[in-house]
Amino acid sequence: MARNENSAAGGENERRGRDRGERRDRDNRDRREEREGDDLVEKLVGINRVAKVVKGGRRFGFAAIVVVGDAKGRVGVGSGKAREVPEAIRKATEQAKRSMIRVPLREGRTLHHDVFGHFGAGKVVLRAAPPGTGIIAGGPMRAIFEALGVADVVTKSVGTSNPHNMIKATFDALTQCVSPRSVAARRGRRVSDILGKREGEKEAA
């Protein structure tokens, strides 16, 4: 009987230790996310009220789209649904932080080259621009470039104006962006061979 009591006590201690370890890991993860979130720019793209028809009538909720970026070349997008607006925004923000991608920028202000992206009925064209142009984009696309840290870009959306499709088409285009340095490394050549001597020296610098 004493042996059973000792084994039960040992199992209880082991369970408590495991719970403490999981709680510590969760706290560390939350602190790390908060520390990373201090430097992030959050843009609320839109909130829609959605309804679900149930036996007693209609149940209303909210769907939010959020764009998150560090203004240094990383950006992500997320969507969330909940019965309340703050909870929907929180879910969308967490998903956006998990889905962030890195986009190479030229001089930290614009894209390296023109690129085309599409998703469903949404089609977008992104073009590099000279200094002083600003962000020429509308709706959800502007939020993406502001969070990304782009200062000069010219964009055009063709087709649908649905924010979900526009955002996904923009991300499809951004994932195709490459820097001359990465292209030169992939081809085993110098940057000046890709861009020309003057542009290559400027890029290498």
N, C-alpha and C. Protein backbone atom coordinates (compact mmCIF):
# COMPACT_ATOMS: atom_id res chain seq x y z
N MET A 1 0.83 -1.21 0.00
CA MET A 1 0.00 0.00 0.00
C MET A 1 0.87 1.26 0.00
N ALA A 2 1.95 1.21 0.82
CA ALA A 2 2.88 2.34 0.83
C ALA A 2 3.52 2.53 -0.53
N ARG A 3 3.79 1.38 -1.20
CA ARG A 3 4.37 1.47 -2.53
C ARG A 3 3.43 2.17 -3.49
N ASN A 4 2.13 1.87 -3.41
CA ASN A 4 1.15 2.52 -4.28
C ASN A 4 1.09 4.03 -4.03
N GLU A 5 1.16 4.38 -2.71
CA GLU A 5 1.12 5.80 -2.38
C GLU A 5 2.35 6.52 -2.93
N ASN A 6 3.53 5.86 -2.84
CA ASN A 6 4.74 6.49 -3.36
C ASN A 6 4.68 6.67 -4.88
N SER A 7 4.15 5.64 -5.57
CA SER A 7 4.05 5.74 -7.02
C SER A 7 3.06 6.82 -7.43
N ALA A 8 1.96 6.93 -6.66
CA ALA A 8 0.99 7.97 -6.97
C ALA A 8 1.58 9.36 -6.74
N ALA A 9 2.34 9.49 -5.64
CA ALA A 9 2.98 10.78 -5.37
C ALA A 9 4.01 11.12 -6.45
N GLY A 10 4.75 10.08 -6.88
CA GLY A 10 5.73 10.32 -7.93
C GLY A 10 5.07 10.75 -9.23
N GLY A 11 3.93 10.11 -9.57
CA GLY A 11 3.22 10.50 -10.78
C GLY A 11 2.68 11.91 -10.70
N GLU A 12 2.20 12.31 -9.47
CA GLU A 12 1.69 13.66 -9.30
C GLU A 12 2.81 14.69 -9.44
N ASN A 13 3.97 14.39 -8.87
CA ASN A 13 5.10 15.32 -8.99
C ASN A 13 5.55 15.45 -10.44
N GLU A 14 5.56 14.32 -11.15
CA GLU A 14 5.97 14.35 -12.55
C GLU A 14 5.00 15.18 -13.38
N ARG A 15 3.70 15.03 -13.08
CA ARG A 15 2.70 15.80 -13.83
C ARG A 15 2.84 17.30 -13.55
N ARG A 16 3.09 17.64 -12.27
CA ARG A 16 3.27 19.05 -11.93
C ARG A 16 4.51 19.63 -12.60
N GLY A 17 5.59 18.85 -12.62
CA GLY A 17 6.80 19.32 -13.28
C GLY A 17 6.59 19.53 -14.77
N ARG A 18 5.84 18.61 -15.40
CA ARG A 18 5.56 18.75 -16.82
C ARG A 18 4.70 19.98 -17.08
N ASP A 19 3.70 20.22 -16.22
CA ASP A 19 2.86 21.41 -16.38
C ASP A 19 3.67 22.68 -16.22
N ARG A 20 4.59 22.68 -15.23
CA ARG A 20 5.42 23.87 -15.03
C ARG A 20 6.30 24.12 -16.26
N GLY A 21 6.85 23.04 -16.83
CA GLY A 21 7.69 23.19 -18.02
C GLY A 21 6.91 23.72 -19.20
N GLU A 22 5.69 23.20 -19.41
CA GLU A 22 4.87 23.69 -20.51
C GLU A 22 4.49 25.15 -20.30
N ARG A 23 4.17 25.50 -19.04
CA ARG A 23 3.80 26.89 -18.76
C ARG A 23 4.99 27.82 -18.99
N ARG A 24 6.19 27.37 -18.60
CA ARG A 24 7.39 28.19 -18.80
C ARG A 24 7.65 28.38 -20.29
N ASP A 25 7.52 27.29 -21.07
CA ASP A 25 7.73 27.41 -22.52
C ASP A 25 6.72 28.36 -23.15
N ARG A 26 5.46 28.26 -22.68
CA ARG A 26 4.43 29.14 -23.23
C ARG A 26 4.71 30.59 -22.89
N ASP A 27 5.14 30.86 -21.66
CA ASP A 27 5.46 32.24 -21.26
C ASP A 27 6.62 32.79 -22.07
N ASN A 28 7.66 31.94 -22.28
CA ASN A 28 8.80 32.38 -23.08
C ASN A 28 8.39 32.69 -24.51
N ARG A 29 7.51 31.86 -25.07
CA ARG A 29 7.05 32.09 -26.43
C ARG A 29 6.24 33.38 -26.51
N ASP A 30 5.39 33.61 -25.51
CA ASP A 30 4.59 34.84 -25.51
C ASP A 30 5.48 36.07 -25.40
N ARG A 31 6.51 35.99 -24.53
CA ARG A 31 7.42 37.13 -24.40
C ARG A 31 8.19 37.37 -25.68
N ARG A 32 8.59 36.27 -26.36
CA ARG A 32 9.32 36.43 -27.60
C ARG A 32 8.43 37.07 -28.66
N GLU A 33 7.16 36.66 -28.74
CA GLU A 33 6.24 37.24 -29.71
C GLU A 33 5.99 38.71 -29.40
N GLU A 34 5.88 39.05 -28.09
CA GLU A 34 5.69 40.45 -27.73
C GLU A 34 6.90 41.28 -28.11
N ARG A 35 8.10 40.71 -27.88
CA ARG A 35 9.32 41.43 -28.21
C ARG A 35 9.42 41.65 -29.72
N GLU A 36 9.05 40.64 -30.50
CA GLU A 36 9.07 40.79 -31.95
C GLU A 36 7.97 41.75 -32.41
N GLY A 37 6.83 41.74 -31.69
CA GLY A 37 5.73 42.59 -32.10
C GLY A 37 5.94 44.06 -31.83
N ASP A 38 6.95 44.40 -30.94
CA ASP A 38 7.20 45.80 -30.65
C ASP A 38 7.64 46.56 -31.89
N ASP A 39 8.35 45.91 -32.79
CA ASP A 39 8.90 46.58 -33.96
C ASP A 39 8.04 46.40 -35.21
N LEU A 40 6.88 45.79 -35.09
CA LEU A 40 6.06 45.49 -36.25
C LEU A 40 5.01 46.57 -36.46
N VAL A 41 4.71 46.79 -37.75
CA VAL A 41 3.65 47.72 -38.14
C VAL A 41 2.42 46.91 -38.50
N GLU A 42 1.30 47.22 -37.87
CA GLU A 42 0.05 46.49 -38.11
C GLU A 42 -0.92 47.40 -38.85
N LYS A 43 -1.46 46.87 -39.95
CA LYS A 43 -2.42 47.62 -40.76
C LYS A 43 -3.71 46.81 -40.88
N LEU A 44 -4.81 47.39 -40.42
CA LEU A 44 -6.11 46.74 -40.56
C LEU A 44 -6.67 47.07 -41.94
N VAL A 45 -6.79 46.07 -42.79
CA VAL A 45 -7.24 46.28 -44.17
C VAL A 45 -8.76 46.40 -44.22
N GLY A 46 -9.46 45.55 -43.50
CA GLY A 46 -10.92 45.62 -43.55
C GLY A 46 -11.57 44.67 -42.58
N ILE A 47 -12.82 44.99 -42.23
CA ILE A 47 -13.63 44.14 -41.36
C ILE A 47 -14.99 43.95 -42.02
N ASN A 48 -15.41 42.72 -42.12
CA ASN A 48 -16.72 42.39 -42.68
C ASN A 48 -17.58 41.72 -41.62
N ARG A 49 -18.86 42.03 -41.64
CA ARG A 49 -19.79 41.31 -40.76
C ARG A 49 -20.34 40.12 -41.53
N VAL A 50 -20.20 38.96 -40.95
CA VAL A 50 -20.67 37.74 -41.60
C VAL A 50 -21.78 37.14 -40.76
N ALA A 51 -22.67 36.40 -41.40
CA ALA A 51 -23.81 35.80 -40.72
C ALA A 51 -23.88 34.31 -41.02
N LYS A 52 -24.20 33.55 -40.02
CA LYS A 52 -24.40 32.11 -40.16
C LYS A 52 -25.83 31.78 -39.78
N VAL A 53 -26.57 31.14 -40.68
CA VAL A 53 -27.97 30.80 -40.43
C VAL A 53 -28.04 29.52 -39.60
N VAL A 54 -28.66 29.62 -38.45
CA VAL A 54 -28.83 28.46 -37.56
C VAL A 54 -30.32 28.27 -37.30
N LYS A 55 -30.62 27.30 -36.47
CA LYS A 55 -32.02 26.93 -36.25
C LYS A 55 -32.83 28.08 -35.65
N GLY A 56 -32.22 28.82 -34.75
CA GLY A 56 -32.95 29.90 -34.08
C GLY A 56 -32.89 31.23 -34.80
N GLY A 57 -32.23 31.29 -35.94
CA GLY A 57 -32.13 32.55 -36.67
C GLY A 57 -30.74 32.70 -37.27
N ARG A 58 -30.22 33.91 -37.24
CA ARG A 58 -28.89 34.17 -37.79
C ARG A 58 -27.92 34.53 -36.67
N ARG A 59 -26.73 33.97 -36.78
CA ARG A 59 -25.69 34.25 -35.80
C ARG A 59 -24.63 35.11 -36.48
N PHE A 60 -24.39 36.30 -35.94
CA PHE A 60 -23.49 37.25 -36.58
C PHE A 60 -22.07 37.13 -36.00
N GLY A 61 -21.12 37.38 -36.87
CA GLY A 61 -19.71 37.40 -36.47
C GLY A 61 -18.98 38.43 -37.32
N PHE A 62 -17.68 38.48 -37.13
CA PHE A 62 -16.86 39.47 -37.86
C PHE A 62 -15.62 38.79 -38.42
N ALA A 63 -15.25 39.19 -39.63
CA ALA A 63 -14.05 38.69 -40.29
C ALA A 63 -13.12 39.88 -40.55
N ALA A 64 -11.86 39.74 -40.13
CA ALA A 64 -10.89 40.83 -40.25
C ALA A 64 -9.70 40.39 -41.11
N ILE A 65 -9.13 41.35 -41.84
CA ILE A 65 -7.91 41.14 -42.62
C ILE A 65 -6.86 42.11 -42.09
N VAL A 66 -5.69 41.60 -41.72
CA VAL A 66 -4.64 42.42 -41.12
C VAL A 66 -3.33 42.16 -41.86
N VAL A 67 -2.59 43.23 -42.14
CA VAL A 67 -1.25 43.15 -42.73
C VAL A 67 -0.24 43.58 -41.68
N VAL A 68 0.82 42.79 -41.52
CA VAL A 68 1.85 43.06 -40.51
C VAL A 68 3.20 43.10 -41.21
N GLY A 69 4.04 44.07 -40.85
CA GLY A 69 5.39 44.17 -41.43
C GLY A 69 6.33 44.88 -40.48
N ASP A 70 7.62 44.76 -40.75
CA ASP A 70 8.62 45.43 -39.92
C ASP A 70 9.19 46.67 -40.59
N ALA A 71 8.65 47.06 -41.75
CA ALA A 71 9.12 48.23 -42.51
C ALA A 71 10.57 48.10 -42.92
N LYS A 72 11.08 46.86 -42.94
CA LYS A 72 12.47 46.61 -43.33
C LYS A 72 12.59 45.46 -44.33
N GLY A 73 11.48 45.15 -45.00
CA GLY A 73 11.53 44.10 -46.01
C GLY A 73 10.80 42.83 -45.65
N ARG A 74 10.10 42.80 -44.51
CA ARG A 74 9.32 41.62 -44.14
C ARG A 74 7.87 42.02 -43.99
N VAL A 75 6.96 41.16 -44.50
CA VAL A 75 5.54 41.47 -44.45
C VAL A 75 4.76 40.16 -44.44
N GLY A 76 3.58 40.20 -43.83
CA GLY A 76 2.71 39.03 -43.78
C GLY A 76 1.27 39.48 -43.72
N VAL A 77 0.37 38.58 -44.07
CA VAL A 77 -1.06 38.89 -44.06
C VAL A 77 -1.79 37.75 -43.37
N GLY A 78 -2.89 38.10 -42.68
CA GLY A 78 -3.67 37.08 -42.00
C GLY A 78 -5.13 37.49 -41.93
N SER A 79 -5.99 36.51 -41.76
CA SER A 79 -7.42 36.76 -41.63
C SER A 79 -7.94 35.97 -40.43
N GLY A 80 -8.92 36.53 -39.76
CA GLY A 80 -9.49 35.87 -38.59
C GLY A 80 -10.98 36.15 -38.47
N LYS A 81 -11.68 35.18 -37.90
CA LYS A 81 -13.12 35.33 -37.68
C LYS A 81 -13.42 35.11 -36.19
N ALA A 82 -14.37 35.89 -35.68
CA ALA A 82 -14.78 35.74 -34.28
C ALA A 82 -16.13 36.42 -34.09
N ARG A 83 -16.70 36.21 -32.90
CA ARG A 83 -17.98 36.85 -32.60
C ARG A 83 -17.81 38.33 -32.29
N GLU A 84 -16.59 38.73 -31.86
CA GLU A 84 -16.30 40.12 -31.53
C GLU A 84 -15.17 40.64 -32.41
N VAL A 85 -15.18 41.95 -32.66
CA VAL A 85 -14.18 42.56 -33.54
C VAL A 85 -12.76 42.44 -32.98
N PRO A 86 -12.50 42.75 -31.71
CA PRO A 86 -11.11 42.65 -31.20
C PRO A 86 -10.54 41.24 -31.31
N GLU A 87 -11.35 40.24 -31.06
CA GLU A 87 -10.87 38.87 -31.16
C GLU A 87 -10.55 38.49 -32.60
N ALA A 88 -11.37 38.96 -33.54
CA ALA A 88 -11.09 38.70 -34.96
C ALA A 88 -9.79 39.36 -35.39
N ILE A 89 -9.55 40.59 -34.93
CA ILE A 89 -8.31 41.28 -35.27
C ILE A 89 -7.11 40.57 -34.65
N ARG A 90 -7.25 40.09 -33.42
CA ARG A 90 -6.16 39.38 -32.75
C ARG A 90 -5.79 38.11 -33.51
N LYS A 91 -6.80 37.35 -33.92
CA LYS A 91 -6.55 36.12 -34.68
C LYS A 91 -5.85 36.43 -36.00
N ALA A 92 -6.33 37.46 -36.70
CA ALA A 92 -5.73 37.83 -37.98
C ALA A 92 -4.28 38.28 -37.80
N THR A 93 -4.01 39.03 -36.73
CA THR A 93 -2.65 39.51 -36.48
C THR A 93 -1.70 38.36 -36.20
N GLU A 94 -2.14 37.39 -35.40
CA GLU A 94 -1.29 36.24 -35.10
C GLU A 94 -0.98 35.44 -36.36
N GLN A 95 -1.99 35.25 -37.20
CA GLN A 95 -1.76 34.52 -38.45
C GLN A 95 -0.80 35.29 -39.36
N ALA A 96 -0.94 36.61 -39.40
CA ALA A 96 -0.06 37.42 -40.24
C ALA A 96 1.39 37.33 -39.77
N LYS A 97 1.61 37.31 -38.44
CA LYS A 97 2.98 37.21 -37.91
C LYS A 97 3.60 35.86 -38.26
N ARG A 98 2.77 34.82 -38.32
CA ARG A 98 3.30 33.49 -38.63
C ARG A 98 3.60 33.33 -40.13
N SER A 99 2.98 34.14 -40.97
CA SER A 99 3.10 33.94 -42.43
C SER A 99 3.96 35.03 -43.09
N MET A 100 4.86 35.65 -42.34
CA MET A 100 5.66 36.74 -42.89
C MET A 100 6.69 36.21 -43.88
N ILE A 101 6.91 36.98 -44.95
CA ILE A 101 7.91 36.65 -45.96
C ILE A 101 8.90 37.81 -46.07
N ARG A 102 10.08 37.52 -46.61
CA ARG A 102 11.09 38.56 -46.79
C ARG A 102 11.18 38.91 -48.27
N VAL A 103 11.17 40.22 -48.56
CA VAL A 103 11.21 40.71 -49.93
C VAL A 103 12.47 41.57 -50.09
N PRO A 104 13.34 41.25 -51.05
CA PRO A 104 14.53 42.08 -51.26
C PRO A 104 14.15 43.45 -51.83
N LEU A 105 14.71 44.48 -51.24
CA LEU A 105 14.41 45.86 -51.67
C LEU A 105 15.66 46.51 -52.24
N ARG A 106 15.46 47.37 -53.21
CA ARG A 106 16.56 48.13 -53.82
C ARG A 106 16.75 49.44 -53.06
N GLU A 107 17.93 49.60 -52.48
CA GLU A 107 18.27 50.78 -51.69
C GLU A 107 17.32 50.95 -50.51
N GLY A 108 16.62 49.89 -50.15
CA GLY A 108 15.70 49.94 -49.02
C GLY A 108 14.46 50.76 -49.25
N ARG A 109 14.14 51.08 -50.51
CA ARG A 109 13.00 51.96 -50.77
C ARG A 109 12.07 51.49 -51.87
N THR A 110 12.52 50.62 -52.79
CA THR A 110 11.68 50.19 -53.90
C THR A 110 12.05 48.77 -54.31
N LEU A 111 11.33 48.23 -55.29
CA LEU A 111 11.60 46.88 -55.77
C LEU A 111 12.78 46.88 -56.73
N HIS A 112 13.37 45.72 -56.93
CA HIS A 112 14.50 45.60 -57.85
C HIS A 112 14.05 45.60 -59.31
N HIS A 113 12.84 45.10 -59.56
CA HIS A 113 12.39 44.96 -60.94
C HIS A 113 10.87 44.92 -60.97
N ASP A 114 10.31 45.08 -62.16
CA ASP A 114 8.86 44.99 -62.33
C ASP A 114 8.43 43.53 -62.21
N VAL A 115 7.23 43.32 -61.69
CA VAL A 115 6.77 41.95 -61.48
C VAL A 115 5.25 41.93 -61.62
N PHE A 116 4.74 40.77 -62.04
CA PHE A 116 3.31 40.57 -62.26
C PHE A 116 2.84 39.41 -61.38
N GLY A 117 1.68 39.58 -60.75
CA GLY A 117 1.14 38.52 -59.91
C GLY A 117 -0.35 38.38 -60.10
N HIS A 118 -0.86 37.20 -59.83
CA HIS A 118 -2.31 37.00 -59.94
C HIS A 118 -2.76 35.93 -58.96
N PHE A 119 -4.00 36.03 -58.57
CA PHE A 119 -4.64 35.02 -57.73
C PHE A 119 -6.12 35.07 -58.03
N GLY A 120 -6.68 33.98 -58.53
CA GLY A 120 -8.09 33.97 -58.89
C GLY A 120 -8.35 35.00 -59.98
N ALA A 121 -9.31 35.88 -59.72
CA ALA A 121 -9.63 36.93 -60.69
C ALA A 121 -8.83 38.21 -60.45
N GLY A 122 -7.96 38.19 -59.46
CA GLY A 122 -7.16 39.38 -59.16
C GLY A 122 -5.82 39.34 -59.87
N LYS A 123 -5.48 40.44 -60.53
CA LYS A 123 -4.20 40.56 -61.24
C LYS A 123 -3.59 41.90 -60.86
N VAL A 124 -2.29 41.89 -60.55
CA VAL A 124 -1.62 43.13 -60.16
C VAL A 124 -0.30 43.25 -60.90
N VAL A 125 0.12 44.48 -61.13
CA VAL A 125 1.41 44.80 -61.74
C VAL A 125 2.15 45.72 -60.77
N LEU A 126 3.35 45.35 -60.37
CA LEU A 126 4.18 46.16 -59.48
C LEU A 126 5.40 46.63 -60.25
N ARG A 127 5.68 47.92 -60.20
CA ARG A 127 6.80 48.47 -60.94
C ARG A 127 7.71 49.26 -60.01
N ALA A 128 9.02 49.08 -60.18
CA ALA A 128 9.99 49.89 -59.44
C ALA A 128 9.88 51.34 -59.87
N ALA A 129 10.20 52.25 -58.94
CA ALA A 129 10.03 53.67 -59.23
C ALA A 129 11.23 54.46 -58.73
N PRO A 130 11.51 55.62 -59.36
CA PRO A 130 12.63 56.46 -58.91
C PRO A 130 12.31 57.15 -57.59
N PRO A 131 13.34 57.69 -56.92
CA PRO A 131 13.10 58.37 -55.63
C PRO A 131 12.13 59.53 -55.78
N GLY A 132 11.28 59.69 -54.78
CA GLY A 132 10.31 60.78 -54.78
C GLY A 132 8.97 60.42 -55.39
N THR A 133 8.85 59.23 -55.93
CA THR A 133 7.57 58.83 -56.54
C THR A 133 6.49 58.63 -55.50
N GLY A 134 6.85 58.00 -54.39
CA GLY A 134 5.87 57.67 -53.37
C GLY A 134 5.18 56.35 -53.66
N ILE A 135 4.23 56.01 -52.83
CA ILE A 135 3.47 54.76 -53.00
C ILE A 135 2.22 55.06 -53.81
N ILE A 136 2.24 54.68 -55.07
CA ILE A 136 1.07 54.86 -55.92
C ILE A 136 0.33 53.53 -55.94
N ALA A 137 -0.56 53.38 -54.99
CA ALA A 137 -1.32 52.14 -54.84
C ALA A 137 -2.59 52.47 -54.08
N GLY A 138 -3.58 51.66 -54.28
CA GLY A 138 -4.86 51.91 -53.62
C GLY A 138 -5.32 50.74 -52.80
N GLY A 139 -6.12 51.04 -51.79
CA GLY A 139 -6.76 50.00 -51.00
C GLY A 139 -5.79 49.11 -50.26
N PRO A 140 -6.00 47.81 -50.34
CA PRO A 140 -5.16 46.87 -49.58
C PRO A 140 -3.70 46.89 -49.99
N MET A 141 -3.40 47.19 -51.25
CA MET A 141 -2.02 47.18 -51.72
C MET A 141 -1.19 48.25 -51.03
N ARG A 142 -1.78 49.39 -50.75
CA ARG A 142 -1.05 50.45 -50.06
C ARG A 142 -0.65 49.99 -48.66
N ALA A 143 -1.54 49.32 -47.96
CA ALA A 143 -1.23 48.83 -46.61
C ALA A 143 -0.05 47.85 -46.65
N ILE A 144 0.00 47.02 -47.68
CA ILE A 144 1.09 46.05 -47.79
C ILE A 144 2.43 46.76 -47.94
N PHE A 145 2.50 47.76 -48.83
CA PHE A 145 3.78 48.43 -49.08
C PHE A 145 4.19 49.32 -47.92
N GLU A 146 3.23 49.89 -47.21
CA GLU A 146 3.58 50.68 -46.03
C GLU A 146 4.16 49.78 -44.95
N ALA A 147 3.58 48.61 -44.76
CA ALA A 147 4.10 47.68 -43.76
C ALA A 147 5.43 47.08 -44.20
N LEU A 148 5.63 46.94 -45.49
CA LEU A 148 6.86 46.35 -46.03
C LEU A 148 8.03 47.32 -45.93
N GLY A 149 7.74 48.62 -45.93
CA GLY A 149 8.81 49.60 -45.87
C GLY A 149 9.19 50.17 -47.22
N VAL A 150 8.37 49.95 -48.23
CA VAL A 150 8.62 50.49 -49.57
C VAL A 150 8.21 51.95 -49.61
N ALA A 151 9.08 52.80 -50.15
CA ALA A 151 8.79 54.23 -50.23
C ALA A 151 8.38 54.68 -51.62
N ASP A 152 8.85 53.96 -52.66
CA ASP A 152 8.56 54.36 -54.04
C ASP A 152 8.14 53.12 -54.83
N VAL A 153 6.93 53.11 -55.33
CA VAL A 153 6.44 52.00 -56.13
C VAL A 153 5.21 52.45 -56.90
N VAL A 154 5.04 51.91 -58.09
CA VAL A 154 3.86 52.18 -58.91
C VAL A 154 3.14 50.85 -59.12
N THR A 155 1.86 50.79 -58.82
CA THR A 155 1.12 49.54 -58.92
C THR A 155 -0.15 49.76 -59.73
N LYS A 156 -0.65 48.67 -60.26
CA LYS A 156 -1.92 48.69 -60.98
C LYS A 156 -2.65 47.38 -60.73
N SER A 157 -3.90 47.48 -60.31
CA SER A 157 -4.72 46.30 -60.10
C SER A 157 -5.71 46.16 -61.24
N VAL A 158 -5.75 44.96 -61.82
CA VAL A 158 -6.63 44.69 -62.95
C VAL A 158 -7.55 43.54 -62.57
N GLY A 159 -8.84 43.73 -62.76
CA GLY A 159 -9.77 42.65 -62.45
C GLY A 159 -10.55 42.95 -61.18
N THR A 160 -10.61 41.98 -60.31
CA THR A 160 -11.46 42.10 -59.13
C THR A 160 -10.94 43.14 -58.16
N SER A 161 -11.84 43.72 -57.37
CA SER A 161 -11.48 44.63 -56.29
C SER A 161 -11.66 43.96 -54.93
N ASN A 162 -11.87 42.65 -54.93
CA ASN A 162 -11.99 41.91 -53.68
C ASN A 162 -10.67 41.99 -52.92
N PRO A 163 -10.67 42.48 -51.68
CA PRO A 163 -9.40 42.67 -50.98
C PRO A 163 -8.62 41.38 -50.76
N HIS A 164 -9.32 40.26 -50.55
CA HIS A 164 -8.62 38.99 -50.36
C HIS A 164 -7.81 38.61 -51.60
N ASN A 165 -8.45 38.70 -52.77
CA ASN A 165 -7.76 38.34 -54.00
C ASN A 165 -6.66 39.34 -54.35
N MET A 166 -6.90 40.62 -54.08
CA MET A 166 -5.88 41.62 -54.35
C MET A 166 -4.63 41.40 -53.50
N ILE A 167 -4.84 41.11 -52.23
CA ILE A 167 -3.71 40.89 -51.33
C ILE A 167 -2.94 39.63 -51.73
N LYS A 168 -3.66 38.56 -52.03
CA LYS A 168 -2.97 37.32 -52.41
C LYS A 168 -2.25 37.47 -53.74
N ALA A 169 -2.83 38.23 -54.66
CA ALA A 169 -2.14 38.48 -55.94
C ALA A 169 -0.88 39.32 -55.71
N THR A 170 -0.95 40.28 -54.79
CA THR A 170 0.22 41.10 -54.48
C THR A 170 1.32 40.26 -53.84
N PHE A 171 0.95 39.37 -52.94
CA PHE A 171 1.95 38.48 -52.32
C PHE A 171 2.53 37.51 -53.34
N ASP A 172 1.70 37.08 -54.30
CA ASP A 172 2.23 36.22 -55.37
C ASP A 172 3.30 36.95 -56.17
N ALA A 173 3.10 38.26 -56.38
CA ALA A 173 4.09 39.05 -57.11
C ALA A 173 5.34 39.26 -56.25
N LEU A 174 5.15 39.55 -54.96
CA LEU A 174 6.30 39.83 -54.09
C LEU A 174 7.19 38.61 -53.91
N THR A 175 6.59 37.41 -53.92
CA THR A 175 7.41 36.21 -53.78
C THR A 175 8.28 35.95 -55.01
N GLN A 176 7.98 36.61 -56.12
CA GLN A 176 8.79 36.45 -57.33
C GLN A 176 9.94 37.45 -57.40
N CYS A 177 9.98 38.41 -56.47
CA CYS A 177 11.03 39.41 -56.48
C CYS A 177 12.36 38.79 -56.05
N VAL A 178 13.40 39.06 -56.80
CA VAL A 178 14.74 38.58 -56.48
C VAL A 178 15.72 39.74 -56.62
N SER A 179 16.82 39.65 -55.89
CA SER A 179 17.85 40.69 -55.96
C SER A 179 18.92 40.29 -56.97
N PRO A 180 19.60 41.26 -57.58
CA PRO A 180 20.68 40.93 -58.51
C PRO A 180 21.78 40.08 -57.87
N ARG A 181 22.01 40.30 -56.57
CA ARG A 181 23.05 39.53 -55.89
C ARG A 181 22.70 38.05 -55.85
N SER A 182 21.41 37.73 -55.56
CA SER A 182 21.01 36.33 -55.51
C SER A 182 21.04 35.70 -56.90
N VAL A 183 20.67 36.46 -57.93
CA VAL A 183 20.72 35.94 -59.30
C VAL A 183 22.16 35.67 -59.71
N ALA A 184 23.07 36.60 -59.37
CA ALA A 184 24.48 36.41 -59.70
C ALA A 184 25.06 35.19 -58.98
N ALA A 185 24.68 35.00 -57.72
CA ALA A 185 25.18 33.84 -56.98
C ALA A 185 24.65 32.54 -57.57
N ARG A 186 23.39 32.56 -58.01
CA ARG A 186 22.81 31.36 -58.59
C ARG A 186 23.45 31.01 -59.93
N ARG A 187 23.85 32.03 -60.67
CA ARG A 187 24.47 31.78 -61.98
C ARG A 187 25.99 31.65 -61.90
N GLY A 188 26.55 31.92 -60.73
CA GLY A 188 28.00 31.85 -60.60
C GLY A 188 28.72 32.98 -61.30
N ARG A 189 28.10 34.16 -61.31
CA ARG A 189 28.69 35.32 -61.97
C ARG A 189 28.74 36.49 -61.01
N ARG A 190 29.31 37.60 -61.45
CA ARG A 190 29.37 38.80 -60.64
C ARG A 190 28.12 39.66 -60.87
N VAL A 191 27.84 40.53 -59.89
CA VAL A 191 26.69 41.41 -60.02
C VAL A 191 26.84 42.34 -61.21
N SER A 192 28.07 42.78 -61.49
CA SER A 192 28.30 43.69 -62.62
C SER A 192 28.01 43.00 -63.95
N ASP A 193 28.16 41.66 -63.99
CA ASP A 193 27.83 40.94 -65.22
C ASP A 193 26.33 40.91 -65.46
N ILE A 194 25.56 40.98 -64.38
CA ILE A 194 24.10 40.93 -64.50
C ILE A 194 23.53 42.30 -64.84
N LEU A 195 24.01 43.34 -64.17
CA LEU A 195 23.43 44.67 -64.30
C LEU A 195 24.21 45.60 -65.22
N GLY A 196 25.44 45.26 -65.54
CA GLY A 196 26.30 46.22 -66.22
C GLY A 196 27.29 46.78 -65.21
N LYS A 197 28.38 47.32 -65.66
CA LYS A 197 29.47 47.71 -64.76
C LYS A 197 29.05 48.77 -63.75
N ARG A 198 28.43 49.86 -64.22
CA ARG A 198 28.11 50.96 -63.31
C ARG A 198 27.05 50.55 -62.30
N GLU A 199 25.97 49.96 -62.79
CA GLU A 199 24.90 49.53 -61.88
C GLU A 199 25.41 48.44 -60.94
N GLY A 200 26.26 47.55 -61.44
CA GLY A 200 26.78 46.48 -60.59
C GLY A 200 27.62 47.01 -59.46
N GLU A 201 28.47 48.03 -59.73
CA GLU A 201 29.28 48.62 -58.67
C GLU A 201 28.39 49.30 -57.64
N LYS A 202 27.33 49.96 -58.09
CA LYS A 202 26.43 50.63 -57.18
C LYS A 202 25.69 49.61 -56.30
N GLU A 203 25.27 48.50 -56.90
CA GLU A 203 24.56 47.45 -56.15
C GLU A 203 25.49 46.78 -55.16
N ALA A 204 26.73 46.51 -55.55
CA ALA A 204 27.68 45.86 -54.65
C ALA A 204 28.00 46.76 -53.47
N ALA A 205 28.02 48.07 -53.71
CA ALA A 205 28.31 49.00 -52.63
C ALA A 205 27.15 49.08 -51.64
